Amino acid sequence: MIRFTILVLLAFLIACTPAKKEPIMWKTIEKTLQTELITIADGDTIYLPEGNFMFTKSLTMDGKKNVVIIGKGMDKTILSWRNQTEGAEGLHVSNGQNIVLQDFSVEDAKGDNLKVNDTNGLVLRRIRSVWADGPKTENGAYALYPVLCKNVLMEECIAMGSSDAGIYVGQSDSVIIRNNKAYWNVAGIEAENSKYVEIYGNESYENTGGLLVFDLPGLTKYGHTTKVYNNNIHDNNHENFAQKGNVVASIPPGCGMMILATHHIAIYENKISDNRSVGLAVVSYEMVAALNKDEEEQANSIGGVQTINNRYKEDSLYNPFPHTVSIHKNTFKNSHWFPTMQSDIGKLLLMKSFMNPPDILYDGIENPKQKERNICIGENGEFSFINLDAANDFKSLSKDPAPFSCKQLSVSLQ
């Protein structure tokens, strides 16, 4: 009987002991793949093999049309730049037309993991882009980084660990961002200075800020007209680990969604929950500049990272005030009584909205050139609201959303 019991215990212990993890066998296809990227004919496909592949230099593809690069799956084809010695990006595609990248992972580039610029027709599908050691200031800025592109689709991707934005699009036209996941980034999902953008079906969680729609000064293109709907934005309470001086370093931890200085934005039917400091903030660049008045402007940004621009008033084409923003039929919930104390905004909200962090925040800074701003709020069920009147030391601070109550605005992507 004793012998039987010992055997049973041994069998139990063996069953409970975790299987020993096999070491990753890294291979190199660096020269072969770079050669393929240079010589591939328009209309052809590159099939990436299954395995873990280490690269020391950026891979580049320029001026190609109708090219597909496809792996065996985001968990089966892993491209890593952990030992990168040359170049900033991991994979860099430029000046293309109708480019499809899908079913592989990119990891640990010194700068951006995957950058695509000046391309008309781009699909990023089931791309996993991460910094494998988790969130760190030393990580690259962008996990997925289309910029100056047109007709972009990003779907079913995963982004983690970016020191700026995980799933990002900048200065682009006609963009769909859908059914992606973003976590452990400073900004989970961000559309910046882009127009005709749809963002839907995404889950953004455990970032500093979950989802941002920004318009920034001093760039070649300005943004407007974005629909944000059916997204799940929750638990974005991570500390802000952005490089000091970058615009996203201003995002207060605990921010679900932020609309900054842009216009014709429709936000509807989203679930926005348990973001400790604020569910949705609508703010002007005046507020960002005020929060960063003691920051020294960076002479040169790294890669495409946008830094605080203290001379934004010199940009005659830039409007720092948001307008025509529709916030309707969203679901807000926050089980936290207090905002995070890791930012000035969090400390302010603790005082001005004690034990009830706002679901919707409006900075209330007036635009002297546009009295009527069309900030339109309705049909969101029960929610808390604050209009800071930030330009006047909060003298007319109000928690009454009634002045902003109006019907849902129509935003056309045509």
Protein backbone atom coordinates (compact mmCIF):
# COMPACT_ATOMS: atom_id res chain seq x y z
CA MET A 1 0.00 0.00 0.00
CA ILE A 2 2.83 2.38 0.91
CA ARG A 3 4.59 1.59 -2.36
CA PHE A 4 1.39 2.30 -4.32
CA THR A 5 0.93 5.63 -2.51
CA ILE A 6 4.50 6.67 -3.30
CA LEU A 7 4.00 5.82 -6.96
CA VAL A 8 0.81 7.88 -7.05
CA LEU A 9 2.58 10.84 -5.45
CA LEU A 10 5.47 10.59 -7.91
CA ALA A 11 3.05 10.48 -10.82
CA PHE A 12 1.25 13.54 -9.40
CA LEU A 13 4.50 15.48 -9.00
CA ILE A 14 5.61 14.62 -12.53
CA ALA A 15 2.25 15.72 -13.90
CA CYS A 16 2.45 19.04 -12.02
CA THR A 17 6.04 19.83 -13.00
CA PRO A 18 6.08 22.37 -15.88
CA ALA A 19 7.55 21.03 -19.08
CA LYS A 20 11.07 22.29 -19.63
CA LYS A 21 11.02 25.14 -22.14
CA GLU A 22 13.16 24.41 -25.14
CA PRO A 23 15.70 27.16 -25.96
CA ILE A 24 14.88 29.20 -29.05
CA MET A 25 16.97 28.15 -32.04
CA TRP A 26 17.73 31.37 -33.89
CA LYS A 27 18.54 31.14 -37.58
CA THR A 28 19.67 33.71 -40.11
CA ILE A 29 18.13 34.47 -43.48
CA GLU A 30 19.31 38.07 -43.47
CA LYS A 31 21.20 38.21 -46.77
CA THR A 32 18.74 35.95 -48.57
CA LEU A 33 15.68 37.91 -47.49
CA GLN A 34 17.23 41.31 -48.15
CA THR A 35 18.21 40.14 -51.64
CA GLU A 36 14.64 38.96 -52.25
CA LEU A 37 13.28 42.32 -51.13
CA ILE A 38 15.54 44.08 -53.63
CA THR A 39 15.01 41.77 -56.59
CA ILE A 40 11.37 40.76 -56.24
CA ALA A 41 9.36 41.57 -59.35
CA ASP A 42 6.15 43.54 -59.16
CA GLY A 43 3.23 41.22 -58.56
CA ASP A 44 5.25 38.47 -56.83
CA THR A 45 5.03 37.00 -53.32
CA ILE A 46 7.71 36.33 -50.73
CA TYR A 47 6.90 33.36 -48.49
CA LEU A 48 8.61 33.63 -45.12
CA PRO A 49 9.43 30.24 -43.54
CA GLU A 50 8.47 29.05 -40.09
CA GLY A 51 11.10 29.68 -37.42
CA ASN A 52 12.94 32.32 -35.38
CA PHE A 53 15.18 34.58 -37.44
CA MET A 54 17.68 37.12 -36.11
CA PHE A 55 18.69 40.27 -38.03
CA THR A 56 21.50 42.75 -37.42
CA LYS A 57 20.47 45.39 -40.00
CA SER A 58 17.22 46.99 -41.13
CA LEU A 59 15.47 45.17 -43.96
CA THR A 60 14.30 47.52 -46.71
CA MET A 61 12.03 47.28 -49.74
CA ASP A 62 11.56 50.31 -51.98
CA GLY A 63 9.47 51.13 -55.02
CA LYS A 64 7.59 47.84 -55.42
CA LYS A 65 4.05 47.28 -56.68
CA ASN A 66 1.52 44.54 -55.90
CA VAL A 67 3.88 42.63 -53.62
CA VAL A 68 2.81 40.24 -50.85
CA ILE A 69 5.05 39.17 -47.97
CA ILE A 70 3.45 36.36 -46.01
CA GLY A 71 4.65 34.25 -43.10
CA LYS A 72 3.40 31.04 -41.52
CA GLY A 73 1.61 32.85 -38.70
CA MET A 74 2.36 35.48 -36.09
CA ASP A 75 3.44 32.77 -33.61
CA LYS A 76 5.41 30.75 -36.14
CA THR A 77 7.45 33.23 -38.17
CA ILE A 78 9.40 35.49 -35.82
CA LEU A 79 11.72 38.22 -37.14
CA SER A 80 13.87 39.72 -34.38
CA TRP A 81 16.24 42.70 -34.32
CA ARG A 82 17.37 42.17 -30.75
CA ASN A 83 21.01 42.24 -31.90
CA GLN A 84 20.58 45.13 -34.37
CA THR A 85 23.77 47.05 -35.15
CA GLU A 86 22.74 49.05 -38.23
CA GLY A 87 19.62 51.06 -39.09
CA ALA A 88 16.75 52.32 -36.99
CA GLU A 89 13.78 50.30 -38.20
CA GLY A 90 13.26 46.58 -38.32
CA LEU A 91 11.39 46.20 -41.62
CA HIS A 92 11.05 49.37 -43.71
CA VAL A 93 8.88 49.58 -46.84
CA SER A 94 8.79 52.77 -48.88
CA ASN A 95 7.36 54.23 -52.10
CA GLY A 96 5.21 51.19 -52.74
CA GLN A 97 1.85 50.48 -54.25
CA ASN A 98 -0.55 47.76 -53.12
CA ILE A 99 1.69 46.09 -50.55
CA VAL A 100 0.39 43.29 -48.31
CA LEU A 101 2.27 42.15 -45.19
CA GLN A 102 0.70 39.41 -43.10
CA ASP A 103 1.09 36.51 -40.71
CA PHE A 104 4.43 37.11 -39.02
CA SER A 105 5.98 38.81 -36.00
CA VAL A 106 8.51 41.62 -35.74
CA GLU A 107 10.39 42.18 -32.50
CA ASP A 108 12.87 44.40 -30.71
CA ALA A 109 14.07 46.88 -33.35
CA LYS A 110 16.13 49.80 -32.08
CA GLY A 111 13.61 52.24 -33.56
CA ASP A 112 10.29 51.40 -35.17
CA ASN A 113 9.57 47.71 -35.64
CA LEU A 114 7.67 48.07 -38.92
CA LYS A 115 7.62 51.33 -40.87
CA VAL A 116 5.87 51.99 -44.19
CA ASN A 117 6.00 55.39 -45.84
CA ASP A 118 4.79 57.01 -49.05
CA THR A 119 2.77 54.01 -50.11
CA ASN A 120 -0.64 53.90 -51.79
CA GLY A 121 -2.46 50.69 -50.89
CA LEU A 122 -1.19 48.94 -47.77
CA VAL A 123 -2.52 45.97 -45.79
CA LEU A 124 -1.02 44.94 -42.45
CA ARG A 125 -2.85 41.78 -41.40
CA ARG A 126 -2.12 39.57 -38.42
CA ILE A 127 1.21 41.19 -37.68
CA ARG A 128 2.44 40.86 -34.10
CA SER A 129 4.84 43.70 -33.29
CA VAL A 130 6.37 43.76 -29.83
CA TRP A 131 9.32 44.52 -27.62
CA ALA A 132 9.69 41.18 -25.93
CA ASP A 133 11.03 42.46 -22.60
CA GLY A 134 7.88 44.52 -22.05
CA PRO A 135 7.38 48.28 -21.57
CA LYS A 136 10.59 50.33 -21.34
CA THR A 137 11.57 53.90 -22.26
CA GLU A 138 14.44 52.46 -24.31
CA ASN A 139 12.02 50.62 -26.60
CA GLY A 140 11.37 51.90 -30.10
CA ALA A 141 8.63 54.45 -30.72
CA TYR A 142 6.15 52.65 -32.97
CA ALA A 143 5.23 48.99 -33.35
CA LEU A 144 3.27 49.50 -36.59
CA TYR A 145 4.03 52.79 -38.31
CA PRO A 146 2.43 53.72 -41.64
CA VAL A 147 3.12 57.37 -42.41
CA LEU A 148 2.33 59.51 -45.46
CA CYS A 149 0.33 56.64 -46.92
CA LYS A 150 -3.02 56.30 -48.62
CA ASN A 151 -5.62 53.52 -48.54
CA VAL A 152 -4.34 51.70 -45.46
CA LEU A 153 -5.89 48.70 -43.71
CA MET A 154 -4.55 47.40 -40.40
CA GLU A 155 -6.47 44.43 -39.02
CA GLU A 156 -6.10 41.61 -36.51
CA CYS A 157 -2.67 42.86 -35.44
CA ILE A 158 -1.11 42.93 -31.98
CA ALA A 159 1.14 45.70 -30.66
CA MET A 160 2.98 45.72 -27.34
CA GLY A 161 5.75 47.69 -25.66
CA SER A 162 5.99 50.85 -27.81
CA SER A 163 7.45 53.89 -26.09
CA ASP A 164 5.14 56.08 -28.21
CA ALA A 165 2.22 54.37 -30.00
CA GLY A 166 1.54 50.71 -30.69
CA ILE A 167 -0.83 50.83 -33.66
CA TYR A 168 -0.23 54.18 -35.31
CA VAL A 169 -1.02 55.99 -38.51
CA GLY A 170 0.34 59.43 -39.32
CA GLN A 171 -0.29 62.03 -42.05
CA SER A 172 -2.26 59.50 -44.06
CA ASP A 173 -5.49 59.43 -46.05
CA SER A 174 -8.28 56.83 -46.04
CA VAL A 175 -7.37 54.43 -43.26
CA ILE A 176 -9.15 51.53 -41.55
CA ILE A 177 -7.89 50.26 -38.19
CA ARG A 178 -10.02 47.31 -37.07
CA ASN A 179 -10.05 44.26 -34.85
CA ASN A 180 -6.57 44.82 -33.39
CA LYS A 181 -5.21 44.49 -29.86
CA ALA A 182 -2.84 46.95 -28.20
CA TYR A 183 -1.47 46.72 -24.69
CA TRP A 184 1.53 47.88 -22.62
CA ASN A 185 2.22 50.84 -24.93
CA VAL A 186 2.23 54.52 -23.99
CA ALA A 187 -0.53 55.06 -26.58
CA GLY A 188 -2.38 51.91 -27.60
CA ILE A 189 -3.87 53.15 -30.89
CA GLU A 190 -3.23 56.55 -32.43
CA ALA A 191 -4.39 58.35 -35.57
CA GLU A 192 -2.32 61.50 -36.00
CA ASN A 193 -2.77 64.23 -38.63
CA SER A 194 -4.72 61.78 -40.78
CA LYS A 195 -8.05 62.14 -42.54
CA TYR A 196 -10.92 59.82 -43.40
CA VAL A 197 -10.06 57.27 -40.75
CA GLU A 198 -12.25 54.50 -39.31
CA ILE A 199 -11.26 52.85 -36.04
CA TYR A 200 -13.52 50.01 -34.94
CA GLY A 201 -13.62 46.59 -33.30
CA ASN A 202 -10.32 47.09 -31.45
CA GLU A 203 -9.38 46.25 -27.88
CA SER A 204 -6.94 48.63 -26.20
CA TYR A 205 -6.00 47.94 -22.60
CA GLU A 206 -3.26 48.43 -20.02
CA ASN A 207 -1.65 51.27 -21.98
CA THR A 208 -1.10 54.76 -20.57
CA GLY A 209 -3.73 56.07 -22.99
CA GLY A 210 -6.00 53.68 -24.87
CA LEU A 211 -6.93 55.46 -28.09
CA LEU A 212 -5.86 58.87 -29.38
CA VAL A 213 -6.95 61.05 -32.29
CA PHE A 214 -4.47 63.92 -32.52
CA ASP A 215 -3.75 66.83 -34.80
CA LEU A 216 -0.33 68.35 -34.20
CA PRO A 217 1.36 71.53 -35.51
CA GLY A 218 4.32 71.84 -37.81
CA LEU A 219 3.67 68.81 -40.02
CA THR A 220 3.08 68.60 -43.75
CA LYS A 221 -0.51 67.34 -43.44
CA TYR A 222 -3.39 68.03 -41.08
CA GLY A 223 -6.06 65.63 -39.94
CA HIS A 224 -9.85 65.55 -39.70
CA THR A 225 -12.84 63.30 -40.19
CA THR A 226 -12.49 60.15 -38.11
CA LYS A 227 -15.05 57.64 -36.88
CA VAL A 228 -14.31 55.72 -33.68
CA TYR A 229 -16.88 53.05 -32.86
CA ASN A 230 -17.43 49.60 -31.34
CA ASN A 231 -14.07 49.60 -29.57
CA ASN A 232 -13.36 48.21 -26.10
CA ILE A 233 -11.12 50.70 -24.28
CA HIS A 234 -10.44 49.53 -20.75
CA ASP A 235 -7.95 49.55 -17.87
CA ASN A 236 -5.49 51.93 -19.48
CA ASN A 237 -3.68 52.74 -16.26
CA HIS A 238 -0.05 51.95 -17.10
CA GLU A 239 2.61 54.41 -16.03
CA ASN A 240 3.80 56.74 -18.79
CA PHE A 241 7.22 55.53 -19.95
CA ALA A 242 7.58 57.85 -22.99
CA GLN A 243 10.78 59.80 -23.56
CA LYS A 244 10.56 63.14 -21.78
CA GLY A 245 9.59 65.96 -24.14
CA ASN A 246 7.57 63.79 -26.52
CA VAL A 247 3.93 64.76 -27.02
CA VAL A 248 2.67 61.44 -25.68
CA ALA A 249 4.63 62.03 -22.46
CA SER A 250 1.74 64.41 -21.67
CA ILE A 251 -0.85 61.64 -21.59
CA PRO A 252 -1.99 61.15 -18.01
CA PRO A 253 -1.95 57.52 -16.90
CA GLY A 254 -5.49 56.27 -16.63
CA CYS A 255 -6.75 57.91 -19.85
CA GLY A 256 -9.16 55.90 -21.99
CA MET A 257 -9.45 58.11 -25.06
CA MET A 258 -8.12 61.55 -26.01
CA ILE A 259 -9.21 63.84 -28.82
CA LEU A 260 -6.63 66.60 -29.36
CA ALA A 261 -7.06 69.64 -31.59
CA THR A 262 -8.83 67.91 -34.44
CA HIS A 263 -12.31 68.10 -35.94
CA HIS A 264 -15.19 66.20 -37.48
CA ILE A 265 -14.82 63.27 -35.12
CA ALA A 266 -17.64 60.82 -34.36
CA ILE A 267 -17.24 58.65 -31.27
CA TYR A 268 -20.08 56.20 -30.74
CA GLU A 269 -21.03 52.81 -29.36
CA ASN A 270 -17.67 52.25 -27.62
CA LYS A 271 -17.19 50.54 -24.25
CA ILE A 272 -14.94 52.77 -22.15
CA SER A 273 -14.32 51.32 -18.71
CA ASP A 274 -12.02 51.38 -15.69
CA ASN A 275 -9.58 53.95 -16.99
CA ARG A 276 -8.74 55.50 -13.65
CA SER A 277 -8.27 59.20 -14.47
CA VAL A 278 -10.65 59.99 -17.33
CA GLY A 279 -12.72 58.00 -19.80
CA LEU A 280 -12.64 60.43 -22.73
CA ALA A 281 -10.86 63.79 -22.88
CA VAL A 282 -11.44 66.49 -25.51
CA VAL A 283 -8.60 68.99 -25.28
CA SER A 284 -6.85 71.72 -27.22
CA TYR A 285 -3.15 72.05 -27.98
CA GLU A 286 -3.23 75.12 -25.72
CA MET A 287 -3.71 72.76 -22.80
CA VAL A 288 -0.86 70.48 -23.90
CA ALA A 289 1.43 73.49 -24.28
CA ALA A 290 0.44 74.80 -20.84
CA LEU A 291 1.13 71.44 -19.22
CA ASN A 292 4.57 71.40 -20.84
CA LYS A 293 5.53 75.06 -20.54
CA ASP A 294 8.65 74.18 -18.57
CA GLU A 295 9.77 71.49 -21.00
CA GLU A 296 12.58 72.38 -23.36
CA GLU A 297 11.61 71.90 -26.98
CA GLN A 298 13.57 69.06 -28.55
CA ALA A 299 15.70 70.21 -31.48
CA ASN A 300 15.29 66.96 -33.37
CA SER A 301 12.83 64.21 -32.80
CA ILE A 302 13.96 60.61 -33.10
CA GLY A 303 12.40 58.98 -36.16
CA GLY A 304 8.86 60.24 -36.55
CA VAL A 305 8.27 60.95 -32.86
CA GLN A 306 6.50 64.25 -32.31
CA THR A 307 7.88 66.41 -29.54
CA ILE A 308 6.33 69.36 -27.78
CA ASN A 309 6.15 72.34 -30.14
CA ASN A 310 6.26 75.57 -28.16
CA ARG A 311 6.07 77.62 -31.37
CA TYR A 312 2.77 76.18 -32.56
CA LYS A 313 1.22 79.62 -32.89
CA GLU A 314 3.63 80.33 -35.74
CA ASP A 315 1.92 77.63 -37.81
CA SER A 316 -0.73 79.75 -39.55
CA LEU A 317 -2.47 76.66 -40.98
CA TYR A 318 -2.88 74.96 -37.63
CA ASN A 319 -6.01 75.14 -35.49
CA PRO A 320 -5.17 74.10 -31.92
CA PHE A 321 -8.83 73.86 -30.86
CA PRO A 322 -11.00 70.76 -31.37
CA HIS A 323 -14.42 71.28 -32.90
CA THR A 324 -17.27 69.31 -34.40
CA VAL A 325 -16.89 66.34 -32.08
CA SER A 326 -19.83 63.99 -31.56
CA ILE A 327 -19.90 61.68 -28.51
CA HIS A 328 -22.97 59.46 -28.54
CA LYS A 329 -24.27 56.07 -27.40
CA ASN A 330 -21.05 55.07 -25.63
CA THR A 331 -20.99 53.03 -22.43
CA PHE A 332 -18.92 54.45 -19.58
CA LYS A 333 -17.96 52.68 -16.36
CA ASN A 334 -15.25 53.33 -13.80
CA SER A 335 -14.97 51.24 -10.66
CA HIS A 336 -12.06 53.40 -9.40
CA TRP A 337 -12.79 56.25 -7.01
CA PHE A 338 -9.53 58.08 -7.56
CA PRO A 339 -7.40 59.01 -10.60
CA THR A 340 -3.75 58.05 -10.71
CA MET A 341 -1.48 60.55 -8.96
CA GLN A 342 1.27 60.15 -11.56
CA SER A 343 0.41 63.33 -13.47
CA ASP A 344 -0.70 66.89 -12.84
CA ILE A 345 -4.01 66.07 -14.52
CA GLY A 346 -4.60 63.23 -12.10
CA LYS A 347 -3.88 65.49 -9.11
CA LEU A 348 -6.17 68.18 -10.55
CA LEU A 349 -9.01 65.72 -11.05
CA LEU A 350 -8.61 64.44 -7.51
CA MET A 351 -9.36 67.96 -6.27
CA LYS A 352 -11.96 69.01 -8.82
CA SER A 353 -13.84 65.74 -9.12
CA PHE A 354 -13.25 64.07 -5.76
CA MET A 355 -14.03 60.36 -5.66
CA ASN A 356 -15.64 60.57 -9.08
CA PRO A 357 -13.13 60.78 -11.97
CA PRO A 358 -14.95 62.13 -15.03
CA ASP A 359 -16.11 59.89 -17.84
CA ILE A 360 -15.96 62.85 -20.23
CA LEU A 361 -13.62 65.83 -19.79
CA TYR A 362 -13.58 69.00 -21.86
CA ASP A 363 -10.84 71.55 -21.23
CA GLY A 364 -13.25 74.43 -21.99
CA ILE A 365 -10.55 76.63 -23.49
CA GLU A 366 -12.29 79.02 -25.83
CA ASN A 367 -11.26 79.69 -29.40
CA PRO A 368 -11.53 83.45 -29.91
CA LYS A 369 -12.03 82.88 -33.64
CA GLN A 370 -14.78 80.26 -33.29
CA LYS A 371 -17.36 80.73 -30.57
CA GLU A 372 -19.50 77.74 -31.49
CA ARG A 373 -17.41 74.58 -31.40
CA ASN A 374 -20.03 71.85 -31.87
CA ILE A 375 -18.85 69.65 -29.02
CA CYS A 376 -21.94 67.47 -29.02
CA ILE A 377 -22.76 64.91 -26.30
CA GLY A 378 -25.84 62.70 -25.99
CA GLU A 379 -27.40 59.30 -25.39
CA ASN A 380 -24.46 57.96 -23.38
CA GLY A 381 -26.58 56.70 -20.49
CA GLU A 382 -25.32 57.62 -17.04
CA PHE A 383 -21.96 59.36 -17.11
CA SER A 384 -19.97 61.98 -15.23
CA PHE A 385 -18.76 65.13 -16.96
CA ILE A 386 -16.47 68.05 -16.28
CA ASN A 387 -15.83 71.26 -18.21
CA LEU A 388 -12.62 72.57 -16.68
CA ASP A 389 -12.63 76.15 -17.95
CA ALA A 390 -8.87 75.61 -17.86
CA ALA A 391 -7.95 78.98 -19.37
CA ASN A 392 -9.57 80.89 -16.48
CA ASP A 393 -8.11 79.01 -13.52
CA PHE A 394 -11.24 76.83 -13.37
CA LYS A 395 -13.44 79.77 -12.30
CA SER A 396 -16.41 78.56 -14.33
CA LEU A 397 -15.75 74.87 -13.92
CA SER A 398 -18.96 72.96 -14.49
CA LYS A 399 -20.12 69.37 -14.21
CA ASP A 400 -23.31 69.95 -16.13
CA PRO A 401 -23.24 68.42 -19.63
CA ALA A 402 -26.53 70.04 -20.61
CA PRO A 403 -24.93 72.90 -22.62
CA PHE A 404 -23.35 70.25 -24.86
CA SER A 405 -26.46 68.16 -25.34
CA CYS A 406 -27.35 67.79 -28.98
CA LYS A 407 -28.11 65.17 -31.60
CA GLN A 408 -25.43 62.96 -33.09
CA LEU A 409 -23.50 64.75 -35.79
CA SER A 410 -23.11 63.15 -39.18
CA VAL A 411 -19.49 62.58 -40.20
CA SER A 412 -19.01 61.43 -43.77
CA LEU A 413 -15.87 59.61 -44.88
CA GLN A 414 -16.47 60.52 -48.51
